[in-house]
Amino acid sequence: MVKQALTACVSVPSCGLVDLLLLRHGIAVERHQGTDDSDRPLTPLGRERTFKVCCRLRDLGLISDRLYSSPYRRARETAELAVKSGMAPAVELARCLEPGGDSWPLVERLQGSCLLVGHEPDLSRLAAALIGAPSAGLRLRKAGLCHLHWDPSHQDPRGLAQLQGLLRPRLLLPGCV
């Protein structure tokens, strides 16, 4: 089930740290002339691998209370697979996660455990800014995950987050190329 989150991108308050999972969309069909980039779906391999990655992440205890996704088709399909795997209860679309979007208004208001599904290089730049690393310091692979957390008492979390993990699908799925 996909729910529109067009106004505020805010998570339900909870105590403790902000626990943020950043998931890049899975393998999508190649760009073709005349095809709107926002309409590119996941490939069959992309769907299969992404679902397996999400199931593995769930088995490792990486679940979230809220899931925000770019409305682009490949991200939305990835988010729906995360929900199907049990990583999150529902998908909320957030235009701020579209390629080139400004995700800071969302990130600054996050509380509890949240999963953001989006695109490169935006997710890597966001993670790098949160941990205070150079913008080219991280790179998420397709269906890759970055796990961060920080104390929500800080108004601006930039440079204050702790990197908990940066995982390639290949590390989660032995035998996967």
C-alpha atoms as a PDB file:
ATOM      1  CA  MET A   1       0.000   0.000   0.000  1.00  0.00           C
ATOM      2  CA  VAL A   2       1.406   3.408  -1.004  1.00  0.00           C
ATOM      3  CA  LYS A   3       0.417   6.500   0.943  1.00  0.00           C
ATOM      4  CA  GLN A   4       1.108  10.046  -0.255  1.00  0.00           C
ATOM      5  CA  ALA A   5       3.233  12.187   2.072  1.00  0.00           C
ATOM      6  CA  LEU A   6       3.102  15.469   0.187  1.00  0.00           C
ATOM      7  CA  THR A   7       3.113  17.956   3.028  1.00  0.00           C
ATOM      8  CA  ALA A   8       5.335  17.194   6.000  1.00  0.00           C
ATOM      9  CA  CYS A   9       7.896  14.408   5.909  1.00  0.00           C
ATOM     10  CA  VAL A  10       7.944  13.742   9.638  1.00  0.00           C
ATOM     11  CA  SER A  11       8.248  10.465  11.521  1.00  0.00           C
ATOM     12  CA  VAL A  12       6.250   9.454  14.557  1.00  0.00           C
ATOM     13  CA  PRO A  13       8.061  10.629  17.713  1.00  0.00           C
ATOM     14  CA  SER A  14       9.847   8.005  19.797  1.00  0.00           C
ATOM     15  CA  CYS A  15      12.561   8.014  22.426  1.00  0.00           C
ATOM     16  CA  GLY A  16      16.207   7.300  21.850  1.00  0.00           C
ATOM     17  CA  LEU A  17      18.320   7.756  18.785  1.00  0.00           C
ATOM     18  CA  VAL A  18      17.242   8.488  15.262  1.00  0.00           C
ATOM     19  CA  ASP A  19      17.961   5.227  13.441  1.00  0.00           C
ATOM     20  CA  LEU A  20      18.164   5.881   9.708  1.00  0.00           C
ATOM     21  CA  LEU A  21      18.371   3.326   6.924  1.00  0.00           C
ATOM     22  CA  LEU A  22      19.156   4.585   3.422  1.00  0.00           C
ATOM     23  CA  LEU A  23      18.301   2.094   0.677  1.00  0.00           C
ATOM     24  CA  ARG A  24      19.164   2.730  -2.954  1.00  0.00           C
ATOM     25  CA  HIS A  25      16.656   1.435  -5.486  1.00  0.00           C
ATOM     26  CA  GLY A  26      17.373  -1.884  -7.167  1.00  0.00           C
ATOM     27  CA  ILE A  27      18.524  -2.551 -10.728  1.00  0.00           C
ATOM     28  CA  ALA A  28      16.240  -0.694 -13.143  1.00  0.00           C
ATOM     29  CA  VAL A  29      15.769  -0.933 -16.908  1.00  0.00           C
ATOM     30  CA  GLU A  30      18.171   1.166 -18.945  1.00  0.00           C
ATOM     31  CA  ARG A  31      17.254   4.653 -20.080  1.00  0.00           C
ATOM     32  CA  HIS A  32      15.805   4.818 -23.591  1.00  0.00           C
ATOM     33  CA  GLN A  33      15.093   7.788 -25.784  1.00  0.00           C
ATOM     34  CA  GLY A  34      11.532   8.945 -25.360  1.00  0.00           C
ATOM     35  CA  THR A  35      11.145   7.263 -21.952  1.00  0.00           C
ATOM     36  CA  ASP A  36      10.634   9.486 -18.943  1.00  0.00           C
ATOM     37  CA  ASP A  37      13.348   8.658 -16.410  1.00  0.00           C
ATOM     38  CA  SER A  38      10.786   8.642 -13.589  1.00  0.00           C
ATOM     39  CA  ASP A  39       8.908   5.752 -15.219  1.00  0.00           C
ATOM     40  CA  ARG A  40      11.765   3.211 -15.367  1.00  0.00           C
ATOM     41  CA  PRO A  41      10.790   0.016 -13.483  1.00  0.00           C
ATOM     42  CA  LEU A  42      13.019  -2.507 -11.787  1.00  0.00           C
ATOM     43  CA  THR A  43      14.198  -5.345 -14.000  1.00  0.00           C
ATOM     44  CA  PRO A  44      13.134  -8.913 -13.098  1.00  0.00           C
ATOM     45  CA  LEU A  45      16.654  -9.463 -11.684  1.00  0.00           C
ATOM     46  CA  GLY A  46      16.394  -6.135  -9.858  1.00  0.00           C
ATOM     47  CA  ARG A  47      13.093  -7.141  -8.240  1.00  0.00           C
ATOM     48  CA  GLU A  48      14.398 -10.573  -7.243  1.00  0.00           C
ATOM     49  CA  ARG A  49      17.703  -9.345  -5.821  1.00  0.00           C
ATOM     50  CA  THR A  50      16.148  -6.361  -4.049  1.00  0.00           C
ATOM     51  CA  PHE A  51      13.523  -8.532  -2.373  1.00  0.00           C
ATOM     52  CA  LYS A  52      16.216 -10.983  -1.208  1.00  0.00           C
ATOM     53  CA  VAL A  53      18.304  -8.083   0.139  1.00  0.00           C
ATOM     54  CA  CYS A  54      15.288  -6.684   1.997  1.00  0.00           C
ATOM     55  CA  CYS A  55      14.475 -10.088   3.490  1.00  0.00           C
ATOM     56  CA  ARG A  56      18.080 -10.486   4.628  1.00  0.00           C
ATOM     57  CA  LEU A  57      18.089  -6.997   6.167  1.00  0.00           C
ATOM     58  CA  ARG A  58      14.852  -7.782   7.985  1.00  0.00           C
ATOM     59  CA  ASP A  59      16.352 -11.039   9.255  1.00  0.00           C
ATOM     60  CA  LEU A  60      19.284  -8.995  10.599  1.00  0.00           C
ATOM     61  CA  GLY A  61      16.820  -6.815  12.527  1.00  0.00           C
ATOM     62  CA  LEU A  62      16.993  -3.763  10.269  1.00  0.00           C
ATOM     63  CA  ILE A  63      13.373  -2.672  10.315  1.00  0.00           C
ATOM     64  CA  SER A  64      11.766   0.744  10.493  1.00  0.00           C
ATOM     65  CA  ASP A  65       8.655   2.400  11.829  1.00  0.00           C
ATOM     66  CA  ARG A  66       8.358   4.673   8.787  1.00  0.00           C
ATOM     67  CA  LEU A  67       9.384   4.322   5.158  1.00  0.00           C
ATOM     68  CA  TYR A  68       9.679   7.324   2.845  1.00  0.00           C
ATOM     69  CA  SER A  69      10.327   6.776  -0.848  1.00  0.00           C
ATOM     70  CA  SER A  70      11.014   8.803  -3.929  1.00  0.00           C
ATOM     71  CA  PRO A  71       7.900   8.639  -6.127  1.00  0.00           C
ATOM     72  CA  TYR A  72      10.028   7.524  -9.098  1.00  0.00           C
ATOM     73  CA  ARG A  73       8.844   4.093 -10.172  1.00  0.00           C
ATOM     74  CA  ARG A  74      12.089   2.184  -9.500  1.00  0.00           C
ATOM     75  CA  ALA A  75      12.337   3.617  -5.968  1.00  0.00           C
ATOM     76  CA  ARG A  76       8.638   3.067  -5.292  1.00  0.00           C
ATOM     77  CA  GLU A  77       8.916  -0.580  -6.421  1.00  0.00           C
ATOM     78  CA  THR A  78      11.967  -1.013  -4.170  1.00  0.00           C
ATOM     79  CA  ALA A  79      10.047   0.485  -1.238  1.00  0.00           C
ATOM     80  CA  GLU A  80       7.103  -1.830  -1.894  1.00  0.00           C
ATOM     81  CA  LEU A  81       9.490  -4.806  -1.793  1.00  0.00           C
ATOM     82  CA  ALA A  82      10.850  -3.540   1.543  1.00  0.00           C
ATOM     83  CA  VAL A  83       7.282  -3.469   2.899  1.00  0.00           C
ATOM     84  CA  LYS A  84       6.551  -6.925   1.460  1.00  0.00           C
ATOM     85  CA  SER A  85       9.684  -8.268   3.194  1.00  0.00           C
ATOM     86  CA  GLY A  86       8.598  -6.864   6.563  1.00  0.00           C
ATOM     87  CA  MET A  87      11.156  -4.061   6.832  1.00  0.00           C
ATOM     88  CA  ALA A  88       8.461  -1.381   7.227  1.00  0.00           C
ATOM     89  CA  PRO A  89       4.681  -1.163   7.608  1.00  0.00           C
ATOM     90  CA  ALA A  90       3.832   1.067   4.601  1.00  0.00           C
ATOM     91  CA  VAL A  91       5.288   3.319   1.910  1.00  0.00           C
ATOM     92  CA  GLU A  92       4.946   7.083   2.133  1.00  0.00           C
ATOM     93  CA  LEU A  93       5.947   8.944  -1.025  1.00  0.00           C
ATOM     94  CA  ALA A  94       8.124  12.012  -0.507  1.00  0.00           C
ATOM     95  CA  ARG A  95       8.919  14.271  -3.461  1.00  0.00           C
ATOM     96  CA  CYS A  96      11.955  15.547  -1.556  1.00  0.00           C
ATOM     97  CA  LEU A  97      13.602  12.161  -2.308  1.00  0.00           C
ATOM     98  CA  GLU A  98      13.354  12.564  -6.091  1.00  0.00           C
ATOM     99  CA  PRO A  99      16.758  12.883  -7.809  1.00  0.00           C
ATOM    100  CA  GLY A 100      18.182  16.304  -7.004  1.00  0.00           C
ATOM    101  CA  GLY A 101      15.565  16.933  -4.303  1.00  0.00           C
ATOM    102  CA  ASP A 102      16.220  18.633  -0.981  1.00  0.00           C
ATOM    103  CA  SER A 103      15.872  15.933   1.670  1.00  0.00           C
ATOM    104  CA  TRP A 104      17.093  18.095   4.595  1.00  0.00           C
ATOM    105  CA  PRO A 105      13.612  19.229   5.691  1.00  0.00           C
ATOM    106  CA  LEU A 106      12.731  15.531   5.987  1.00  0.00           C
ATOM    107  CA  VAL A 107      15.950  14.428   7.675  1.00  0.00           C
ATOM    108  CA  GLU A 108      15.947  17.217  10.261  1.00  0.00           C
ATOM    109  CA  ARG A 109      12.526  16.098  11.489  1.00  0.00           C
ATOM    110  CA  LEU A 110      13.067  12.346  11.590  1.00  0.00           C
ATOM    111  CA  GLN A 111      12.526  10.520  14.852  1.00  0.00           C
ATOM    112  CA  GLY A 112      12.691   6.858  15.702  1.00  0.00           C
ATOM    113  CA  SER A 113      13.521   4.265  13.084  1.00  0.00           C
ATOM    114  CA  CYS A 114      13.128   5.408   9.468  1.00  0.00           C
ATOM    115  CA  LEU A 115      13.933   4.016   6.036  1.00  0.00           C
ATOM    116  CA  LEU A 116      14.500   6.305   3.049  1.00  0.00           C
ATOM    117  CA  VAL A 117      14.466   4.801  -0.451  1.00  0.00           C
ATOM    118  CA  GLY A 118      15.981   6.918  -3.181  1.00  0.00           C
ATOM    119  CA  HIS A 119      18.686   7.529  -5.725  1.00  0.00           C
ATOM    120  CA  GLU A 120      22.373   8.132  -6.219  1.00  0.00           C
ATOM    121  CA  PRO A 121      24.277  10.313  -5.770  1.00  0.00           C
ATOM    122  CA  ASP A 122      21.747  11.923  -3.412  1.00  0.00           C
ATOM    123  CA  LEU A 123      21.676   9.190  -0.749  1.00  0.00           C
ATOM    124  CA  SER A 124      25.471   8.926  -0.567  1.00  0.00           C
ATOM    125  CA  ARG A 125      25.824  12.695  -0.313  1.00  0.00           C
ATOM    126  CA  LEU A 126      23.240  12.733   2.455  1.00  0.00           C
ATOM    127  CA  ALA A 127      25.054   9.989   4.378  1.00  0.00           C
ATOM    128  CA  ALA A 128      28.418  11.707   3.918  1.00  0.00           C
ATOM    129  CA  ALA A 129      27.021  15.013   5.200  1.00  0.00           C
ATOM    130  CA  LEU A 130      25.457  13.295   8.198  1.00  0.00           C
ATOM    131  CA  ILE A 131      28.736  11.690   9.261  1.00  0.00           C
ATOM    132  CA  GLY A 132      30.873  14.707   8.308  1.00  0.00           C
ATOM    133  CA  ALA A 133      32.732  12.992   5.453  1.00  0.00           C
ATOM    134  CA  PRO A 134      33.629  14.434   2.027  1.00  0.00           C
ATOM    135  CA  SER A 135      30.676  14.290  -0.361  1.00  0.00           C
ATOM    136  CA  ALA A 136      32.416  11.674  -2.517  1.00  0.00           C
ATOM    137  CA  GLY A 137      33.353   9.598   0.539  1.00  0.00           C
ATOM    138  CA  LEU A 138      30.522   7.055   0.260  1.00  0.00           C
ATOM    139  CA  ARG A 139      28.793   5.226  -2.574  1.00  0.00           C
ATOM    140  CA  LEU A 140      25.685   3.087  -2.388  1.00  0.00           C
ATOM    141  CA  ARG A 141      25.330   0.253  -4.868  1.00  0.00           C
ATOM    142  CA  LYS A 142      21.944  -0.620  -6.333  1.00  0.00           C
ATOM    143  CA  ALA A 143      19.929  -2.243  -3.518  1.00  0.00           C
ATOM    144  CA  GLY A 144      22.737  -1.235  -1.142  1.00  0.00           C
ATOM    145  CA  LEU A 145      22.093   0.032   2.364  1.00  0.00           C
ATOM    146  CA  CYS A 146      23.633   2.641   4.639  1.00  0.00           C
ATOM    147  CA  HIS A 147      22.739   2.546   8.349  1.00  0.00           C
ATOM    148  CA  LEU A 148      23.221   5.670  10.485  1.00  0.00           C
ATOM    149  CA  HIS A 149      22.076   6.957  13.830  1.00  0.00           C
ATOM    150  CA  TRP A 150      22.265  10.154  15.885  1.00  0.00           C
ATOM    151  CA  ASP A 151      20.858  11.846  18.952  1.00  0.00           C
ATOM    152  CA  PRO A 152      17.645  13.681  17.974  1.00  0.00           C
ATOM    153  CA  SER A 153      18.301  16.464  20.504  1.00  0.00           C
ATOM    154  CA  HIS A 154      20.561  18.145  17.918  1.00  0.00           C
ATOM    155  CA  GLN A 155      18.661  20.575  15.692  1.00  0.00           C
ATOM    156  CA  ASP A 156      20.986  19.895  12.774  1.00  0.00           C
ATOM    157  CA  PRO A 157      22.384  16.341  12.594  1.00  0.00           C
ATOM    158  CA  ARG A 158      25.041  17.151   9.944  1.00  0.00           C
ATOM    159  CA  GLY A 159      28.400  15.795  11.025  1.00  0.00           C
ATOM    160  CA  LEU A 160      26.921  14.164  14.138  1.00  0.00           C
ATOM    161  CA  ALA A 161      25.637  10.832  12.849  1.00  0.00           C
ATOM    162  CA  GLN A 162      27.460   7.588  13.467  1.00  0.00           C
ATOM    163  CA  LEU A 163      27.882   5.184  10.571  1.00  0.00           C
ATOM    164  CA  GLN A 164      26.608   1.767  11.654  1.00  0.00           C
ATOM    165  CA  GLY A 165      27.023  -0.014   8.350  1.00  0.00           C
ATOM    166  CA  LEU A 166      27.476   0.358   4.607  1.00  0.00           C
ATOM    167  CA  LEU A 167      26.356  -2.846   2.913  1.00  0.00           C
ATOM    168  CA  ARG A 168      26.572  -3.993  -0.685  1.00  0.00           C
ATOM    169  CA  PRO A 169      24.025  -6.561  -1.884  1.00  0.00           C
ATOM    170  CA  ARG A 170      26.920  -8.950  -2.561  1.00  0.00           C
ATOM    171  CA  LEU A 171      27.800  -8.955   1.156  1.00  0.00           C
ATOM    172  CA  LEU A 172      24.204  -9.743   2.097  1.00  0.00           C
ATOM    173  CA  LEU A 173      23.639 -12.401  -0.548  1.00  0.00           C
ATOM    174  CA  PRO A 174      26.593 -14.766  -0.845  1.00  0.00           C
ATOM    175  CA  GLY A 175      27.056 -15.944  -4.412  1.00  0.00           C
ATOM    176  CA  CYS A 176      25.442 -12.795  -5.809  1.00  0.00           C
ATOM    177  CA  VAL A 177      27.497 -10.761  -8.278  1.00  0.00           C
END
